[in-house]
C-alpha atoms as a PDB file:
ATOM      1  CA  MET A   1     -17.379   7.930  19.519  1.00  0.00           C
ATOM      2  CA  PRO A   2     -20.856   7.274  20.999  1.00  0.00           C
ATOM      3  CA  PRO A   3     -22.985   4.372  19.765  1.00  0.00           C
ATOM      4  CA  LEU A   4     -24.045   4.823  16.148  1.00  0.00           C
ATOM      5  CA  ASN A   5     -27.659   3.859  16.665  1.00  0.00           C
ATOM      6  CA  GLN A   6     -29.161   6.541  14.472  1.00  0.00           C
ATOM      7  CA  LEU A   7     -28.698   6.748  10.722  1.00  0.00           C
ATOM      8  CA  LYS A   8     -30.942   9.374   9.188  1.00  0.00           C
ATOM      9  CA  SER A   9     -31.283  10.810   5.713  1.00  0.00           C
ATOM     10  CA  THR A  10     -30.920  14.596   5.825  1.00  0.00           C
ATOM     11  CA  LYS A  11     -30.845  15.336   2.096  1.00  0.00           C
ATOM     12  CA  ASP A  12     -32.238  13.441  -0.886  1.00  0.00           C
ATOM     13  CA  HIS A  13     -31.424  15.024  -4.226  1.00  0.00           C
ATOM     14  CA  SER A  14     -32.934  13.415  -7.304  1.00  0.00           C
ATOM     15  CA  THR A  15     -30.800  13.495 -10.444  1.00  0.00           C
ATOM     16  CA  PRO A  16     -31.385  12.425 -14.048  1.00  0.00           C
ATOM     17  CA  GLY A  17     -28.239  10.304 -14.250  1.00  0.00           C
ATOM     18  CA  ILE A  18     -26.611   7.258 -12.681  1.00  0.00           C
ATOM     19  CA  PHE A  19     -23.762   8.010 -10.283  1.00  0.00           C
ATOM     20  CA  LEU A  20     -21.154   5.231 -10.160  1.00  0.00           C
ATOM     21  CA  SER A  21     -18.405   6.792  -8.013  1.00  0.00           C
ATOM     22  CA  ILE A  22     -17.927   9.609  -5.506  1.00  0.00           C
ATOM     23  CA  THR A  23     -15.173  11.531  -3.728  1.00  0.00           C
ATOM     24  CA  ARG A  24     -15.098  14.504  -1.370  1.00  0.00           C
ATOM     25  CA  ILE A  25     -12.981  17.643  -1.622  1.00  0.00           C
ATOM     26  CA  ALA A  26     -11.143  17.643   1.706  1.00  0.00           C
ATOM     27  CA  ASP A  27     -12.557  19.766   4.544  1.00  0.00           C
ATOM     28  CA  THR A  28     -15.559  20.900   2.475  1.00  0.00           C
ATOM     29  CA  ASP A  29     -19.141  19.910   1.770  1.00  0.00           C
ATOM     30  CA  ARG A  30     -18.342  19.591  -1.941  1.00  0.00           C
ATOM     31  CA  VAL A  31     -18.360  16.188  -3.605  1.00  0.00           C
ATOM     32  CA  ILE A  32     -17.473  15.008  -7.097  1.00  0.00           C
ATOM     33  CA  VAL A  33     -19.342  12.136  -8.733  1.00  0.00           C
ATOM     34  CA  GLY A  34     -18.562  10.002 -11.762  1.00  0.00           C
ATOM     35  CA  ALA A  35     -21.572   9.155 -13.908  1.00  0.00           C
ATOM     36  CA  ALA A  36     -22.782   6.680 -16.513  1.00  0.00           C
ATOM     37  CA  ASP A  37     -22.971   9.456 -19.141  1.00  0.00           C
ATOM     38  CA  ALA A  38     -19.131   9.633 -19.178  1.00  0.00           C
ATOM     39  CA  LYS A  39     -19.146  12.902 -17.212  1.00  0.00           C
ATOM     40  CA  LEU A  40     -18.056  14.124 -13.783  1.00  0.00           C
ATOM     41  CA  TYR A  41     -20.128  16.560 -11.739  1.00  0.00           C
ATOM     42  CA  GLU A  42     -19.401  18.641  -8.661  1.00  0.00           C
ATOM     43  CA  TYR A  43     -22.080  19.318  -6.026  1.00  0.00           C
ATOM     44  CA  ASP A  44     -22.076  21.585  -2.984  1.00  0.00           C
ATOM     45  CA  LEU A  45     -23.992  19.601  -0.390  1.00  0.00           C
ATOM     46  CA  ALA A  46     -24.236  22.636   1.907  1.00  0.00           C
ATOM     47  CA  ALA A  47     -26.621  24.251  -0.579  1.00  0.00           C
ATOM     48  CA  GLU A  48     -30.341  23.902   0.036  1.00  0.00           C
ATOM     49  CA  LYS A  49     -30.745  22.574  -3.489  1.00  0.00           C
ATOM     50  CA  PRO A  50     -27.402  21.249  -4.743  1.00  0.00           C
ATOM     51  CA  GLU A  51     -26.830  21.872  -8.430  1.00  0.00           C
ATOM     52  CA  ALA A  52     -24.603  19.872 -10.748  1.00  0.00           C
ATOM     53  CA  VAL A  53     -21.503  21.686 -12.008  1.00  0.00           C
ATOM     54  CA  PRO A  54     -20.175  19.605 -14.933  1.00  0.00           C
ATOM     55  CA  PHE A  55     -16.539  18.946 -15.691  1.00  0.00           C
ATOM     56  CA  ALA A  56     -15.235  19.355 -19.224  1.00  0.00           C
ATOM     57  CA  ASP A  57     -15.483  16.410 -21.596  1.00  0.00           C
ATOM     58  CA  GLY A  58     -12.846  13.736 -21.194  1.00  0.00           C
ATOM     59  CA  HIS A  59     -14.056  10.174 -20.766  1.00  0.00           C
ATOM     60  CA  THR A  60     -15.990   8.296 -23.445  1.00  0.00           C
ATOM     61  CA  SER A  61     -17.718   5.743 -21.187  1.00  0.00           C
ATOM     62  CA  TYR A  62     -18.854   5.111 -17.594  1.00  0.00           C
ATOM     63  CA  VAL A  63     -16.792   6.961 -14.958  1.00  0.00           C
ATOM     64  CA  THR A  64     -16.380   4.230 -12.354  1.00  0.00           C
ATOM     65  CA  GLY A  65     -13.686   5.748 -10.152  1.00  0.00           C
ATOM     66  CA  VAL A  66     -12.822   9.223  -8.904  1.00  0.00           C
ATOM     67  CA  ALA A  67     -10.342  10.376  -6.263  1.00  0.00           C
ATOM     68  CA  TRP A  68      -9.531  13.830  -4.894  1.00  0.00           C
ATOM     69  CA  THR A  69      -5.896  14.691  -4.134  1.00  0.00           C
ATOM     70  CA  PRO A  70      -4.392  18.063  -3.139  1.00  0.00           C
ATOM     71  CA  SER A  71      -2.858  18.437  -6.603  1.00  0.00           C
ATOM     72  CA  ALA A  72      -5.658  17.136  -8.852  1.00  0.00           C
ATOM     73  CA  VAL A  73      -8.820  15.102  -9.146  1.00  0.00           C
ATOM     74  CA  VAL A  74      -8.135  11.761 -10.850  1.00  0.00           C
ATOM     75  CA  SER A  75     -10.884   9.748 -12.551  1.00  0.00           C
ATOM     76  CA  GLY A  76     -11.037   6.411 -14.340  1.00  0.00           C
ATOM     77  CA  GLY A  77     -13.616   4.754 -16.536  1.00  0.00           C
ATOM     78  CA  TYR A  78     -14.642   1.940 -18.807  1.00  0.00           C
ATOM     79  CA  ASP A  79     -12.589   3.584 -21.559  1.00  0.00           C
ATOM     80  CA  GLY A  80      -9.442   2.443 -19.696  1.00  0.00           C
ATOM     81  CA  LYS A  81      -8.252   6.010 -19.239  1.00  0.00           C
ATOM     82  CA  LEU A  82      -7.131   7.892 -16.157  1.00  0.00           C
ATOM     83  CA  ILE A  83      -7.678  11.641 -16.373  1.00  0.00           C
ATOM     84  CA  TRP A  84      -6.148  14.298 -14.109  1.00  0.00           C
ATOM     85  CA  TRP A  85      -8.335  17.409 -13.649  1.00  0.00           C
ATOM     86  CA  ASP A  86      -7.430  20.900 -12.430  1.00  0.00           C
ATOM     87  CA  ALA A  87      -9.385  23.148 -10.070  1.00  0.00           C
ATOM     88  CA  ASP A  88     -11.347  24.560 -13.011  1.00  0.00           C
ATOM     89  CA  ARG A  89     -12.592  21.020 -13.832  1.00  0.00           C
ATOM     90  CA  LYS A  90     -10.547  20.801 -17.029  1.00  0.00           C
ATOM     91  CA  PRO A  91      -8.297  17.875 -17.989  1.00  0.00           C
ATOM     92  CA  ILE A  92      -4.560  18.396 -17.520  1.00  0.00           C
ATOM     93  CA  ARG A  93      -3.379  14.843 -18.260  1.00  0.00           C
ATOM     94  CA  THR A  94      -4.896  11.766 -19.891  1.00  0.00           C
ATOM     95  CA  VAL A  95      -3.238   8.358 -19.614  1.00  0.00           C
ATOM     96  CA  ASP A  96      -4.178   5.129 -21.388  1.00  0.00           C
ATOM     97  CA  ALA A  97      -3.855   3.342 -18.081  1.00  0.00           C
ATOM     98  CA  HIS A  98      -5.499  -0.069 -18.545  1.00  0.00           C
ATOM     99  CA  ALA A  99      -6.315  -2.400 -21.414  1.00  0.00           C
ATOM    100  CA  LYS A 100      -9.829  -3.115 -20.071  1.00  0.00           C
ATOM    101  CA  TRP A 101     -12.522  -1.466 -17.966  1.00  0.00           C
ATOM    102  CA  ILE A 102     -11.288   0.445 -14.925  1.00  0.00           C
ATOM    103  CA  ARG A 103     -13.366  -0.544 -11.919  1.00  0.00           C
ATOM    104  CA  ARG A 104     -12.114   1.728  -9.130  1.00  0.00           C
ATOM    105  CA  VAL A 105      -9.719   4.580  -8.402  1.00  0.00           C
ATOM    106  CA  VAL A 106      -8.612   5.578  -4.876  1.00  0.00           C
ATOM    107  CA  ALA A 107      -6.103   8.006  -3.398  1.00  0.00           C
ATOM    108  CA  SER A 108      -3.682   7.237  -0.585  1.00  0.00           C
ATOM    109  CA  PRO A 109      -4.472   8.874   2.777  1.00  0.00           C
ATOM    110  CA  ASP A 110      -1.780  11.530   2.252  1.00  0.00           C
ATOM    111  CA  GLY A 111      -2.955  12.192  -1.321  1.00  0.00           C
ATOM    112  CA  ARG A 112       0.452  11.552  -2.861  1.00  0.00           C
ATOM    113  CA  LEU A 113      -0.487   8.341  -4.660  1.00  0.00           C
ATOM    114  CA  VAL A 114      -3.431   7.115  -6.709  1.00  0.00           C
ATOM    115  CA  ALA A 115      -4.247   3.442  -7.295  1.00  0.00           C
ATOM    116  CA  SER A 116      -6.423   1.973 -10.043  1.00  0.00           C
ATOM    117  CA  VAL A 117      -7.741  -1.525 -10.771  1.00  0.00           C
ATOM    118  CA  ALA A 118      -9.247  -2.870 -13.977  1.00  0.00           C
ATOM    119  CA  ASP A 119     -10.424  -5.978 -15.761  1.00  0.00           C
ATOM    120  CA  ASP A 120      -6.962  -6.485 -17.241  1.00  0.00           C
ATOM    121  CA  MET A 121      -6.464  -7.878 -13.693  1.00  0.00           C
ATOM    122  CA  LEU A 122      -3.794  -5.322 -12.857  1.00  0.00           C
ATOM    123  CA  CYS A 123      -3.503  -2.789 -10.095  1.00  0.00           C
ATOM    124  CA  LYS A 124      -1.425   0.258 -10.958  1.00  0.00           C
ATOM    125  CA  LEU A 125       0.053   2.749  -8.517  1.00  0.00           C
ATOM    126  CA  TRP A 126       0.576   6.313  -9.767  1.00  0.00           C
ATOM    127  CA  ASP A 127       2.226   9.479  -8.502  1.00  0.00           C
ATOM    128  CA  ALA A 128      -0.651  11.882  -7.950  1.00  0.00           C
ATOM    129  CA  ASP A 129       1.385  14.987  -8.867  1.00  0.00           C
ATOM    130  CA  SER A 130       3.280  13.865 -11.952  1.00  0.00           C
ATOM    131  CA  GLY A 131       1.146  10.975 -13.206  1.00  0.00           C
ATOM    132  CA  GLU A 132       4.247   8.766 -13.209  1.00  0.00           C
ATOM    133  CA  LEU A 133       3.539   5.026 -12.935  1.00  0.00           C
ATOM    134  CA  ARG A 134       5.205   3.728  -9.767  1.00  0.00           C
ATOM    135  CA  PHE A 135       4.262   0.039  -9.842  1.00  0.00           C
ATOM    136  CA  THR A 136       2.183  -2.467 -11.772  1.00  0.00           C
ATOM    137  CA  LEU A 137       0.885  -5.089  -9.330  1.00  0.00           C
ATOM    138  CA  ALA A 138      -0.074  -8.467 -10.795  1.00  0.00           C
ATOM    139  CA  ASP A 139      -1.335 -11.512  -8.900  1.00  0.00           C
ATOM    140  CA  HIS A 140      -4.975 -11.908  -9.996  1.00  0.00           C
ATOM    141  CA  LEU A 141      -5.795 -14.557 -12.614  1.00  0.00           C
ATOM    142  CA  ALA A 142      -7.480 -13.478 -15.830  1.00  0.00           C
ATOM    143  CA  ILE A 143      -9.703 -16.590 -16.090  1.00  0.00           C
ATOM    144  CA  THR A 144     -12.110 -17.966 -13.479  1.00  0.00           C
ATOM    145  CA  PRO A 145     -12.108 -21.663 -12.451  1.00  0.00           C
ATOM    146  CA  HIS A 146     -15.040 -22.106 -14.877  1.00  0.00           C
ATOM    147  CA  HIS A 147     -13.031 -20.736 -17.809  1.00  0.00           C
ATOM    148  CA  TYR A 148     -14.623 -17.303 -18.121  1.00  0.00           C
ATOM    149  CA  PRO A 149     -12.949 -13.873 -17.882  1.00  0.00           C
ATOM    150  CA  SER A 150     -12.462 -12.675 -14.326  1.00  0.00           C
ATOM    151  CA  MET A 151     -12.760  -9.099 -13.079  1.00  0.00           C
ATOM    152  CA  LEU A 152     -10.827  -6.965 -10.595  1.00  0.00           C
ATOM    153  CA  TYR A 153     -13.295  -4.769  -8.738  1.00  0.00           C
ATOM    154  CA  ALA A 154     -11.921  -3.578  -5.423  1.00  0.00           C
ATOM    155  CA  LEU A 155      -8.983  -1.872  -3.744  1.00  0.00           C
ATOM    156  CA  ALA A 156      -8.243   0.050  -0.544  1.00  0.00           C
ATOM    157  CA  PHE A 157      -5.291   1.685   1.207  1.00  0.00           C
ATOM    158  CA  SER A 158      -4.612   1.155   4.893  1.00  0.00           C
ATOM    159  CA  HIS A 159      -5.047   4.287   6.998  1.00  0.00           C
ATOM    160  CA  ASP A 160      -1.302   4.727   7.485  1.00  0.00           C
ATOM    161  CA  GLY A 161      -0.775   4.386   3.728  1.00  0.00           C
ATOM    162  CA  ARG A 162       1.593   1.458   4.146  1.00  0.00           C
ATOM    163  CA  TRP A 163      -0.571  -1.281   2.615  1.00  0.00           C
ATOM    164  CA  LEU A 164      -2.827  -1.616  -0.406  1.00  0.00           C
ATOM    165  CA  ALA A 165      -5.394  -4.419  -0.815  1.00  0.00           C
ATOM    166  CA  THR A 166      -6.937  -5.646  -4.072  1.00  0.00           C
ATOM    167  CA  GLY A 167      -9.826  -8.117  -4.529  1.00  0.00           C
ATOM    168  CA  ASP A 168     -11.236  -9.949  -7.563  1.00  0.00           C
ATOM    169  CA  LYS A 169     -14.310 -11.806  -8.808  1.00  0.00           C
ATOM    170  CA  VAL A 170     -13.414 -15.259  -7.474  1.00  0.00           C
ATOM    171  CA  GLY A 171     -12.632 -14.043  -3.950  1.00  0.00           C
ATOM    172  CA  HIS A 172      -8.837 -13.696  -4.110  1.00  0.00           C
ATOM    173  CA  VAL A 173      -7.451 -10.787  -2.046  1.00  0.00           C
ATOM    174  CA  VAL A 174      -3.850  -9.581  -2.092  1.00  0.00           C
ATOM    175  CA  VAL A 175      -2.141  -7.127   0.263  1.00  0.00           C
ATOM    176  CA  TRP A 176       0.765  -5.155  -1.199  1.00  0.00           C
ATOM    177  CA  ASP A 177       3.600  -3.111   0.317  1.00  0.00           C
ATOM    178  CA  VAL A 178       3.048   0.383  -1.111  1.00  0.00           C
ATOM    179  CA  ALA A 179       6.707   1.414  -0.761  1.00  0.00           C
ATOM    180  CA  THR A 180       8.137  -1.549  -2.681  1.00  0.00           C
ATOM    181  CA  GLY A 181       5.238  -2.992  -4.685  1.00  0.00           C
ATOM    182  CA  ALA A 182       5.864  -6.399  -3.099  1.00  0.00           C
ATOM    183  CA  LYS A 183       3.074  -8.864  -2.326  1.00  0.00           C
ATOM    184  CA  VAL A 184       3.046  -9.386   1.445  1.00  0.00           C
ATOM    185  CA  ALA A 185      -0.121 -11.454   2.076  1.00  0.00           C
ATOM    186  CA  ALA A 186      -3.173 -13.067   0.494  1.00  0.00           C
ATOM    187  CA  VAL A 187      -6.542 -14.270   1.803  1.00  0.00           C
ATOM    188  CA  GLU A 188      -9.374 -16.120   0.093  1.00  0.00           C
ATOM    189  CA  SER A 189     -13.109 -15.445   0.317  1.00  0.00           C
ATOM    190  CA  PRO A 190     -14.623 -17.883  -2.223  1.00  0.00           C
ATOM    191  CA  GLY A 191     -18.102 -17.438  -0.747  1.00  0.00           C
ATOM    192  CA  MET A 192     -18.317 -14.174  -2.707  1.00  0.00           C
ATOM    193  CA  TYR A 193     -18.421 -16.052  -6.024  1.00  0.00           C
ATOM    194  CA  THR A 194     -21.482 -17.740  -7.574  1.00  0.00           C
ATOM    195  CA  TRP A 195     -21.400 -20.065 -10.576  1.00  0.00           C
ATOM    196  CA  ASP A 196     -24.689 -20.903 -12.299  1.00  0.00           C
ATOM    197  CA  PRO A 197     -24.104 -24.067 -14.384  1.00  0.00           C
ATOM    198  CA  LYS A 198     -27.721 -24.500 -15.516  1.00  0.00           C
ATOM    199  CA  GLN A 199     -29.734 -21.399 -16.308  1.00  0.00           C
ATOM    200  CA  ARG A 200     -27.085 -19.059 -17.673  1.00  0.00           C
ATOM    201  CA  ARG A 201     -23.721 -20.825 -17.480  1.00  0.00           C
ATOM    202  CA  HIS A 202     -22.609 -17.595 -15.940  1.00  0.00           C
ATOM    203  CA  SER A 203     -20.676 -16.444 -12.875  1.00  0.00           C
ATOM    204  CA  ILE A 204     -21.503 -13.396 -10.827  1.00  0.00           C
ATOM    205  CA  GLY A 205     -20.606 -11.718  -7.571  1.00  0.00           C
ATOM    206  CA  GLY A 206     -17.033 -11.157  -6.595  1.00  0.00           C
ATOM    207  CA  ILE A 207     -15.325  -8.925  -4.070  1.00  0.00           C
ATOM    208  CA  ARG A 208     -16.722  -5.430  -4.577  1.00  0.00           C
ATOM    209  CA  SER A 209     -15.246  -3.570  -1.596  1.00  0.00           C
ATOM    210  CA  LEU A 210     -12.353  -3.646   0.854  1.00  0.00           C
ATOM    211  CA  ALA A 211     -11.435  -1.684   3.991  1.00  0.00           C
ATOM    212  CA  PHE A 212      -8.673  -1.851   6.574  1.00  0.00           C
ATOM    213  CA  SER A 213      -9.522  -1.194  10.198  1.00  0.00           C
ATOM    214  CA  ARG A 214      -7.952   1.948  11.613  1.00  0.00           C
ATOM    215  CA  ASP A 215      -5.372  -0.069  13.547  1.00  0.00           C
ATOM    216  CA  GLY A 216      -4.493  -1.945  10.338  1.00  0.00           C
ATOM    217  CA  ARG A 217      -5.025  -5.408  11.807  1.00  0.00           C
ATOM    218  CA  THR A 218      -8.368  -6.320  10.230  1.00  0.00           C
ATOM    219  CA  LEU A 219      -9.269  -6.370   6.553  1.00  0.00           C
ATOM    220  CA  ALA A 220     -12.984  -6.277   5.729  1.00  0.00           C
ATOM    221  CA  VAL A 221     -14.003  -7.892   2.430  1.00  0.00           C
ATOM    222  CA  GLY A 222     -17.425  -7.094   0.954  1.00  0.00           C
ATOM    223  CA  GLY A 223     -19.487  -8.632  -1.821  1.00  0.00           C
ATOM    224  CA  VAL A 224     -22.493 -10.907  -2.127  1.00  0.00           C
ATOM    225  CA  GLY A 225     -23.112 -14.462  -0.977  1.00  0.00           C
ATOM    226  CA  LEU A 226     -24.616 -17.341  -2.929  1.00  0.00           C
ATOM    227  CA  ILE A 227     -27.062 -15.930  -5.492  1.00  0.00           C
ATOM    228  CA  GLY A 228     -30.273 -17.776  -6.276  1.00  0.00           C
ATOM    229  CA  ASN A 229     -31.469 -15.572  -9.150  1.00  0.00           C
ATOM    230  CA  ILE A 230     -28.469 -14.086 -10.887  1.00  0.00           C
ATOM    231  CA  ASP A 231     -30.611 -11.633 -12.841  1.00  0.00           C
ATOM    232  CA  HIS A 232     -31.701  -9.865  -9.646  1.00  0.00           C
ATOM    233  CA  LEU A 233     -28.658 -10.139  -7.335  1.00  0.00           C
ATOM    234  CA  ASP A 234     -30.776 -12.382  -5.111  1.00  0.00           C
ATOM    235  CA  GLY A 235     -28.067 -13.186  -2.605  1.00  0.00           C
ATOM    236  CA  PRO A 236     -27.204 -12.027   0.919  1.00  0.00           C
ATOM    237  CA  ALA A 237     -25.111  -8.915   1.343  1.00  0.00           C
ATOM    238  CA  ARG A 238     -21.913 -10.517   2.629  1.00  0.00           C
ATOM    239  CA  VAL A 239     -18.869  -9.302   4.565  1.00  0.00           C
ATOM    240  CA  GLU A 240     -15.930 -11.363   5.789  1.00  0.00           C
ATOM    241  CA  LEU A 241     -13.407 -10.033   8.308  1.00  0.00           C
ATOM    242  CA  PHE A 242      -9.809 -11.270   8.192  1.00  0.00           C
ATOM    243  CA  ASP A 243      -6.701 -11.054  10.298  1.00  0.00           C
ATOM    244  CA  TRP A 244      -4.871 -10.520   7.034  1.00  0.00           C
ATOM    245  CA  GLN A 245      -1.371 -10.977   8.417  1.00  0.00           C
ATOM    246  CA  SER A 246      -2.138 -14.501   9.626  1.00  0.00           C
ATOM    247  CA  GLY A 247      -4.574 -15.205   6.774  1.00  0.00           C
ATOM    248  CA  LYS A 248      -7.298 -16.266   9.203  1.00  0.00           C
ATOM    249  CA  SER A 249     -10.985 -15.464   8.759  1.00  0.00           C
ATOM    250  CA  GLN A 250     -12.376 -13.904  11.953  1.00  0.00           C
ATOM    251  CA  LYS A 251     -16.092 -13.755  11.181  1.00  0.00           C
ATOM    252  CA  GLU A 252     -18.653 -13.678   8.394  1.00  0.00           C
ATOM    253  CA  LEU A 253     -21.620 -11.305   8.224  1.00  0.00           C
ATOM    254  CA  ALA A 254     -24.535 -12.088   5.915  1.00  0.00           C
ATOM    255  CA  ASP A 255     -27.699 -10.002   5.589  1.00  0.00           C
ATOM    256  CA  THR A 256     -30.643 -11.731   3.943  1.00  0.00           C
ATOM    257  CA  LYS A 257     -33.086  -8.885   4.665  1.00  0.00           C
ATOM    258  CA  LEU A 258     -31.536  -6.185   2.501  1.00  0.00           C
ATOM    259  CA  LYS A 259     -29.731  -8.184  -0.162  1.00  0.00           C
ATOM    260  CA  GLY A 260     -27.251  -7.444  -2.899  1.00  0.00           C
ATOM    261  CA  LEU A 261     -23.690  -6.285  -3.430  1.00  0.00           C
ATOM    262  CA  VAL A 262     -21.687  -4.641  -0.669  1.00  0.00           C
ATOM    263  CA  GLU A 263     -20.192  -1.825  -2.729  1.00  0.00           C
ATOM    264  CA  GLN A 264     -18.377   0.028   0.058  1.00  0.00           C
ATOM    265  CA  LEU A 265     -17.038  -0.521   3.581  1.00  0.00           C
ATOM    266  CA  TRP A 266     -15.862   1.957   6.229  1.00  0.00           C
ATOM    267  CA  PHE A 267     -14.597   1.551   9.797  1.00  0.00           C
ATOM    268  CA  SER A 268     -15.505   4.251  12.316  1.00  0.00           C
ATOM    269  CA  PRO A 269     -12.546   6.245  13.724  1.00  0.00           C
ATOM    270  CA  ASP A 270     -12.496   4.123  16.901  1.00  0.00           C
ATOM    271  CA  ASP A 271     -12.808   0.803  14.991  1.00  0.00           C
ATOM    272  CA  GLN A 272     -15.987  -0.004  16.928  1.00  0.00           C
ATOM    273  CA  TRP A 273     -18.353   0.149  13.973  1.00  0.00           C
ATOM    274  CA  LEU A 274     -18.297  -1.107  10.400  1.00  0.00           C
ATOM    275  CA  ILE A 275     -20.583   0.593   7.887  1.00  0.00           C
ATOM    276  CA  THR A 276     -21.547  -1.288   4.728  1.00  0.00           C
ATOM    277  CA  ALA A 277     -23.428   0.017   1.709  1.00  0.00           C
ATOM    278  CA  GLY A 278     -24.698  -1.306  -1.598  1.00  0.00           C
ATOM    279  CA  GLY A 279     -27.825  -3.046  -2.797  1.00  0.00           C
ATOM    280  CA  ASP A 280     -29.678  -4.874  -5.530  1.00  0.00           C
ATOM    281  CA  ASN A 281     -32.395  -2.836  -7.260  1.00  0.00           C
ATOM    282  CA  ASN A 282     -32.678  -0.883  -4.017  1.00  0.00           C
ATOM    283  CA  GLY A 283     -29.887   0.338  -1.787  1.00  0.00           C
ATOM    284  CA  PHE A 284     -28.942  -0.112   1.856  1.00  0.00           C
ATOM    285  CA  LEU A 285     -26.744   1.277   4.606  1.00  0.00           C
ATOM    286  CA  THR A 286     -25.953  -1.067   7.493  1.00  0.00           C
ATOM    287  CA  ILE A 287     -23.971  -0.569  10.697  1.00  0.00           C
ATOM    288  CA  TYR A 288     -22.366  -3.579  12.378  1.00  0.00           C
ATOM    289  CA  ASP A 289     -20.559  -3.817  15.673  1.00  0.00           C
ATOM    290  CA  ALA A 290     -17.079  -4.602  14.352  1.00  0.00           C
ATOM    291  CA  LYS A 291     -16.130  -6.610  17.435  1.00  0.00           C
ATOM    292  CA  ASP A 292     -19.019  -9.068  17.716  1.00  0.00           C
ATOM    293  CA  GLY A 293     -20.544  -8.735  14.239  1.00  0.00           C
ATOM    294  CA  GLN A 294     -24.001  -7.816  15.550  1.00  0.00           C
ATOM    295  CA  LEU A 295     -26.192  -5.620  13.364  1.00  0.00           C
ATOM    296  CA  ALA A 296     -26.593  -2.255  15.125  1.00  0.00           C
ATOM    297  CA  HIS A 297     -28.661  -0.266  12.627  1.00  0.00           C
ATOM    298  CA  GLN A 298     -29.911  -0.467   9.069  1.00  0.00           C
ATOM    299  CA  GLU A 299     -31.617   1.808   6.559  1.00  0.00           C
ATOM    300  CA  LYS A 300     -33.087   1.078   3.162  1.00  0.00           C
ATOM    301  CA  ALA A 301     -31.859   3.590   0.580  1.00  0.00           C
ATOM    302  CA  GLN A 302     -33.391   4.782  -2.645  1.00  0.00           C
ATOM    303  CA  GLN A 303     -32.023   2.911  -5.670  1.00  0.00           C
ATOM    304  CA  HIS A 304     -28.773   0.966  -5.867  1.00  0.00           C
ATOM    305  CA  LEU A 305     -26.035   2.621  -3.801  1.00  0.00           C
ATOM    306  CA  HIS A 306     -22.648   2.610  -5.578  1.00  0.00           C
ATOM    307  CA  GLY A 307     -20.492   4.361  -2.997  1.00  0.00           C
ATOM    308  CA  PHE A 308     -20.192   6.889  -0.190  1.00  0.00           C
ATOM    309  CA  VAL A 309     -17.746   9.349   1.365  1.00  0.00           C
ATOM    310  CA  PRO A 310     -17.651  10.377   5.050  1.00  0.00           C
ATOM    311  CA  ASN A 311     -16.944  13.920   6.177  1.00  0.00           C
ATOM    312  CA  ALA A 312     -13.859  14.778   8.227  1.00  0.00           C
ATOM    313  CA  ALA A 313     -15.706  14.403  11.540  1.00  0.00           C
ATOM    314  CA  GLY A 314     -17.025  10.951  10.608  1.00  0.00           C
ATOM    315  CA  ASP A 315     -20.616  11.833  11.493  1.00  0.00           C
ATOM    316  CA  GLN A 316     -21.997  12.304   7.972  1.00  0.00           C
ATOM    317  CA  LEU A 317     -22.038  10.275   4.764  1.00  0.00           C
ATOM    318  CA  ALA A 318     -22.713  11.386   1.202  1.00  0.00           C
ATOM    319  CA  THR A 319     -24.002   8.535  -0.971  1.00  0.00           C
ATOM    320  CA  ALA A 320     -24.097   8.084  -4.758  1.00  0.00           C
ATOM    321  CA  HIS A 321     -26.967   6.112  -6.342  1.00  0.00           C
ATOM    322  CA  HIS A 322     -28.837   5.379  -9.508  1.00  0.00           C
ATOM    323  CA  GLY A 323     -30.572   8.738  -9.972  1.00  0.00           C
ATOM    324  CA  ARG A 324     -29.861  10.151  -6.507  1.00  0.00           C
ATOM    325  CA  LEU A 325     -27.364  11.918  -4.307  1.00  0.00           C
ATOM    326  CA  MET A 326     -28.115  11.602  -0.596  1.00  0.00           C
ATOM    327  CA  VAL A 327     -26.692  12.807   2.726  1.00  0.00           C
ATOM    328  CA  TRP A 328     -26.974  10.833   5.989  1.00  0.00           C
ATOM    329  CA  SER A 329     -26.216  11.789   9.555  1.00  0.00           C
ATOM    330  CA  LEU A 330     -24.584   9.322  11.966  1.00  0.00           C
ATOM    331  CA  ARG A 331     -25.610  10.027  15.562  1.00  0.00           C
ATOM    332  CA  SER A 332     -26.233   8.484  18.947  1.00  0.00           C
ATOM    333  CA  ALA A 333     -29.734   8.296  20.370  1.00  0.00           C
END
């Protein structure tokens, strides 16, 4: 892959709602977004003016996770439910999956499994076809060191589907064996966690995104560094790279120009580049050289960016925001 030194917006579609999650229908320009109005919408990004095609009713609160699989679309929300949807965008199965807010839902690379994480501090692994629960994975503490409820925000499969990583509010990351459900490693990134003992007696931050490198050796952990003003996410966008098998931190990346939460991470197909996305009140997309940690390119995005999906070629991203759906091209100069 040539150097990714161009990142350009090619489509900017304003929407009335807040998009909290996004997935792509494989080998198409169609994406599905989960929204704050408890709905899912499908968009054809190849259209000159993409129009929202709503799913049937199902969730009763924010839809914070959505994953496409060959057999069904699976979504999760603050109502604690996982819903399986058919090709006509109608629910075919609803499961009371978690006791608290679901934060993210992802599918395995082969589409046979779906994983969910929630504020009950559990990760659950499901059969994508049948909805059968395979494993319940528990290693994240329910209470922070300052005696407040913790949260479990992030998860990611390795590209070979062998490993699954989960990350929580206080910076604890666990890697699991997908075949057995066994815990195989853990790393700590406490710099993602801020405690404010004076103004609010409140903690904020946490690990918001995870990604394995294509070769499976490196685990990228994304969140936010020390926050000065907790009401405005006034902290550096922070990424820490780990050799997860040895437990050693390799490097830390902190951006104080475009601040806020790192909501999503993605390694380029050759593992040369690491793309990060997120924001505070505004959004950002940033490209780092994954080997030396140098910033290669950066773009400010409209509104907070909650997530993105690449296309099959890896040269385009679709991004979901507060009030926007955008498309970006990744090119060399």
